[in-house]
């Protein structure tokens, strides 16, 4: 084997080991009032964070949630999906003017850069993501 081939094999093995040790990047997280600043505002300075304001009794929320989760996995780290239950986190919901749910907001660099209300079909959510992520 040539040195170049050995170097490529070494790099591949290092990357495999790094992935096993560190795990995949967390793409879906639960958020609450005490950790909202850290998990949404601060993390959005590195990676866009899409916040899904929802409640367990909300049928449109239950329709939208699997779509958001699927796209978070598919986009593989291009954004973090943060889920926040408005019934358990009323102050955050009030702070961001959540009057109806589902309400989805994208944060970049600590600021809201896009949002939508209601359940949308996957192609519309994908278009919204692409537009706001700059894809």
Protein backbone atom coordinates (compact mmCIF):
# COMPACT_ATOMS: atom_id res chain seq x y z
CA UNK A 1 0.00 0.00 0.00
CA UNK A 2 1.11 3.51 -0.70
CA UNK A 3 1.35 6.21 1.95
CA UNK A 4 -1.66 8.07 0.49
CA UNK A 5 -3.86 5.00 0.80
CA UNK A 6 -2.75 4.39 4.38
CA UNK A 7 -3.43 8.02 5.25
CA UNK A 8 -6.95 7.80 3.79
CA UNK A 9 -7.67 4.62 5.76
CA UNK A 10 -6.36 6.25 8.95
CA UNK A 11 -8.56 9.32 8.42
CA UNK A 12 -11.64 7.17 7.78
CA UNK A 13 -11.02 5.11 10.91
CA UNK A 14 -10.48 8.25 13.01
CA UNK A 15 -13.79 9.69 11.77
CA UNK A 16 -15.65 6.43 12.51
CA UNK A 17 -14.20 6.36 16.01
CA UNK A 18 -15.04 10.04 16.60
CA UNK A 19 -18.66 9.43 15.53
CA UNK A 20 -18.97 6.42 17.83
CA UNK A 21 -17.50 8.25 20.81
CA UNK A 22 -19.28 11.58 20.36
CA UNK A 23 -22.47 10.25 18.82
CA UNK A 24 -24.49 12.03 16.16
CA UNK A 25 -25.22 15.68 16.58
CA UNK A 26 -28.39 16.22 18.59
CA UNK A 27 -31.05 17.47 16.18
CA UNK A 28 -34.26 17.22 18.26
CA UNK A 29 -34.41 18.56 21.80
CA UNK A 30 -37.03 19.32 24.44
CA UNK A 31 -36.85 22.82 25.88
CA UNK A 32 -38.38 24.48 28.92
CA UNK A 33 -38.24 27.91 30.53
CA UNK A 34 -35.07 27.42 32.62
CA UNK A 35 -32.99 26.23 29.65
CA UNK A 36 -34.58 28.23 26.80
CA UNK A 37 -31.83 30.86 26.81
CA UNK A 38 -29.08 28.25 26.60
CA UNK A 39 -30.72 25.71 24.27
CA UNK A 40 -32.39 28.14 21.87
CA UNK A 41 -30.90 31.62 22.02
CA UNK A 42 -27.26 30.66 22.63
CA UNK A 43 -27.26 27.60 20.36
CA UNK A 44 -28.85 29.64 17.56
CA UNK A 45 -25.64 31.67 17.44
CA UNK A 46 -23.90 28.54 16.08
CA UNK A 47 -26.73 26.58 14.41
CA UNK A 48 -30.25 27.72 13.47
CA UNK A 49 -32.87 26.55 15.98
CA UNK A 50 -36.46 25.88 14.90
CA UNK A 51 -38.80 26.13 17.88
CA UNK A 52 -42.06 24.18 17.77
CA UNK A 53 -44.51 25.67 20.28
CA UNK A 54 -47.09 22.92 20.85
CA UNK A 55 -49.41 21.22 23.36
CA UNK A 56 -50.41 17.55 23.71
CA UNK A 57 -54.15 18.28 23.25
CA UNK A 58 -53.60 20.20 19.97
CA UNK A 59 -54.49 18.02 16.98
CA UNK A 60 -52.77 20.23 14.37
CA UNK A 61 -49.64 20.12 16.58
CA UNK A 62 -49.75 16.33 16.54
CA UNK A 63 -50.09 16.44 12.75
CA UNK A 64 -47.12 18.82 12.28
CA UNK A 65 -44.73 17.30 14.80
CA UNK A 66 -43.77 14.15 12.83
CA UNK A 67 -43.05 16.29 9.76
CA UNK A 68 -40.76 18.61 11.70
CA UNK A 69 -38.99 15.66 13.34
CA UNK A 70 -38.53 13.88 10.01
CA UNK A 71 -37.06 17.00 8.41
CA UNK A 72 -34.77 17.65 11.40
CA UNK A 73 -33.29 14.18 10.94
CA UNK A 74 -33.14 14.52 7.17
CA UNK A 75 -31.40 17.91 7.29
CA UNK A 76 -28.86 16.26 9.61
CA UNK A 77 -27.58 19.13 11.73
CA UNK A 78 -28.43 22.08 9.47
CA UNK A 79 -30.87 23.10 12.20
CA UNK A 80 -31.92 21.98 15.67
CA UNK A 81 -35.59 21.31 16.36
CA UNK A 82 -36.53 22.54 19.83
CA UNK A 83 -39.93 21.44 21.12
CA UNK A 84 -41.60 23.47 23.85
CA UNK A 85 -44.91 22.53 25.47
CA UNK A 86 -46.81 25.81 25.94
CA UNK A 87 -48.96 24.39 28.75
CA UNK A 88 -45.86 23.73 30.84
CA UNK A 89 -43.98 26.86 29.75
CA UNK A 90 -46.51 29.66 29.74
CA UNK A 91 -44.02 32.50 30.35
CA UNK A 92 -41.97 31.67 27.25
CA UNK A 93 -45.16 31.32 25.20
CA UNK A 94 -46.31 34.71 26.48
CA UNK A 95 -42.89 36.28 25.88
CA UNK A 96 -42.99 35.27 22.22
CA UNK A 97 -46.65 36.20 21.71
CA UNK A 98 -47.92 32.68 21.11
CA UNK A 99 -51.69 33.09 20.67
CA UNK A 100 -52.38 29.92 18.69
CA UNK A 101 -50.56 26.67 18.11
CA UNK A 102 -48.77 25.10 16.46
CA UNK A 103 -46.50 28.08 16.12
CA UNK A 104 -43.04 27.59 14.66
CA UNK A 105 -40.20 30.13 14.84
CA UNK A 106 -36.66 29.94 13.51
CA UNK A 107 -33.91 31.60 15.54
CA UNK A 108 -30.53 32.56 14.06
CA UNK A 109 -27.90 34.48 15.99
CA UNK A 110 -30.37 34.87 18.86
CA UNK A 111 -33.09 36.50 16.73
CA UNK A 112 -36.30 35.28 15.08
CA UNK A 113 -35.73 35.15 11.31
CA UNK A 114 -38.89 33.32 10.23
CA UNK A 115 -42.13 31.89 11.56
CA UNK A 116 -45.38 30.23 10.59
CA UNK A 117 -48.66 29.27 12.25
CA UNK A 118 -50.68 26.11 11.87
CA UNK A 119 -50.03 22.69 10.43
CA UNK A 120 -48.58 22.75 6.93
CA UNK A 121 -47.89 19.85 4.58
CA UNK A 122 -44.29 18.67 4.30
CA UNK A 123 -43.49 20.41 0.97
CA UNK A 124 -44.49 23.78 2.45
CA UNK A 125 -42.48 23.19 5.63
CA UNK A 126 -39.48 22.12 3.52
CA UNK A 127 -39.79 25.30 1.42
CA UNK A 128 -40.01 27.43 4.55
CA UNK A 129 -36.91 25.74 5.98
CA UNK A 130 -34.93 26.14 2.77
CA UNK A 131 -35.86 29.81 2.49
CA UNK A 132 -34.95 30.60 6.09
CA UNK A 133 -31.83 28.45 6.19
CA UNK A 134 -30.60 30.11 3.03
CA UNK A 135 -30.58 26.87 0.97
